[in-house]
Protein backbone atom coordinates (compact mmCIF):
# COMPACT_ATOMS: atom_id res chain seq x y z
CA UNK A 1 -8.19 19.69 7.16
CA UNK A 2 -10.82 16.61 6.62
CA UNK A 3 -8.98 16.22 3.64
CA UNK A 4 -5.13 16.26 4.38
CA UNK A 5 -5.88 13.74 7.26
CA UNK A 6 -8.13 11.50 4.04
CA UNK A 7 -4.85 12.28 2.09
CA UNK A 8 -2.05 10.39 4.42
CA UNK A 9 -2.80 6.51 3.91
CA UNK A 10 -2.61 7.32 0.33
CA UNK A 11 0.69 9.11 0.35
CA UNK A 12 2.32 6.98 2.87
CA UNK A 13 0.21 3.50 0.36
CA UNK A 14 2.05 5.69 -2.75
CA UNK A 15 6.03 5.86 -1.25
CA UNK A 16 5.33 2.62 -0.06
CA UNK A 17 4.33 1.51 -3.17
CA UNK A 18 7.23 2.75 -5.38
CA UNK A 19 9.51 1.35 -2.37
CA UNK A 20 8.43 -2.16 -2.74
CA UNK A 21 8.81 -1.92 -6.94
CA UNK A 22 11.80 -0.62 -7.10
CA UNK A 23 13.32 -3.60 -4.43
CA UNK A 24 11.22 -6.30 -6.29
CA UNK A 25 12.74 -4.90 -9.77
CA UNK A 26 16.29 -5.26 -8.29
CA UNK A 27 16.37 -8.58 -7.09
CA UNK A 28 14.08 -9.76 -9.51
CA UNK A 29 12.03 -11.59 -6.49
CA UNK A 30 8.26 -11.21 -6.35
CA UNK A 31 7.10 -13.99 -3.88
CA UNK A 32 7.83 -12.09 -0.54
CA UNK A 33 7.31 -8.84 -2.39
CA UNK A 34 3.63 -10.13 -2.90
CA UNK A 35 3.79 -11.73 0.83
CA UNK A 36 4.92 -9.17 3.01
CA UNK A 37 2.60 -6.58 2.31
CA UNK A 38 -1.00 -8.80 2.32
CA UNK A 39 0.27 -9.74 6.08
CA UNK A 40 1.07 -6.12 6.69
CA UNK A 41 -1.91 -5.24 5.81
CA UNK A 42 -4.14 -8.16 7.60
CA UNK A 43 -2.58 -7.18 10.85
CA UNK A 44 -3.12 -3.10 10.96
CA UNK A 45 -6.30 -3.10 9.47
CA UNK A 46 -7.42 -5.71 12.74
CA UNK A 47 -5.02 -3.83 14.66
CA UNK A 48 -7.30 -0.42 13.41
CA UNK A 49 -10.67 -2.08 13.95
CA UNK A 50 -9.42 -2.70 17.75
CA UNK A 51 -8.41 1.08 18.53
CA UNK A 52 -10.16 1.49 21.29
CA UNK A 53 -11.62 4.77 20.08
CA UNK A 54 -7.97 6.61 19.62
CA UNK A 55 -8.33 8.18 16.38
CA UNK A 56 -4.72 8.82 16.26
CA UNK A 57 -4.07 4.75 15.99
CA UNK A 58 -7.05 4.38 13.59
CA UNK A 59 -5.33 6.70 11.30
CA UNK A 60 -1.96 4.69 11.51
CA UNK A 61 -3.55 1.18 11.12
CA UNK A 62 -5.41 2.38 8.70
CA UNK A 63 -2.56 4.23 6.71
CA UNK A 64 -0.62 0.83 7.32
CA UNK A 65 -3.26 -1.49 5.78
CA UNK A 66 -3.60 0.98 3.02
CA UNK A 67 -0.19 0.43 2.25
CA UNK A 68 0.12 -3.39 2.40
CA UNK A 69 -3.70 -4.21 0.07
CA UNK A 70 -1.90 -1.08 -3.22
CA UNK A 71 1.02 -2.51 -2.85
CA UNK A 72 -0.25 -6.35 -2.66
CA UNK A 73 -2.71 -5.31 -5.53
CA UNK A 74 0.48 -4.20 -7.81
CA UNK A 75 2.68 -7.02 -7.25
CA UNK A 76 -0.38 -9.62 -7.65
CA UNK A 77 -1.25 -8.67 -11.27
CA UNK A 78 2.30 -7.23 -12.91
CA UNK A 79 2.05 -5.04 -15.80
CA UNK A 80 3.29 -6.82 -18.76
CA UNK A 81 6.50 -5.88 -19.43
CA UNK A 82 9.15 -6.13 -16.07
CA UNK A 83 9.92 -2.38 -14.27
CA UNK A 84 6.70 -2.11 -12.24
CA UNK A 85 8.00 0.76 -10.71
CA UNK A 86 6.62 2.90 -13.50
CA UNK A 87 3.03 2.37 -13.43
CA UNK A 88 2.86 2.92 -9.58
CA UNK A 89 1.32 6.39 -9.63
CA UNK A 90 -1.02 5.01 -12.84
CA UNK A 91 -2.22 2.23 -10.68
CA UNK A 92 -2.90 4.08 -7.38
CA UNK A 93 -4.73 7.15 -8.98
CA UNK A 94 -6.88 4.93 -10.96
CA UNK A 95 -8.11 3.95 -7.42
CA UNK A 96 -8.39 7.17 -6.34
CA UNK A 97 -10.64 7.82 -9.90
CA UNK A 98 -13.40 4.89 -9.00
């Protein structure tokens, strides 16, 4: 059960990462696709630390903060050659192995 709960933020981050990468490629815009996840991660990390002992709010806040952090990382260092959504899974798996 602990493994399933631990996987929730990473699963949400993977889905959000794919969505944002495709959106950035379609719109050919990186600046706002970098700023929004960074702000989202910072705000929800603060919300998670001030959850007041609520495990559900803590899990929700950490999931959204993880979504923003992983997406901002890929938007900040895009892979060479353009299309970002093709390397989203590889990028997320790289961080989970370390």
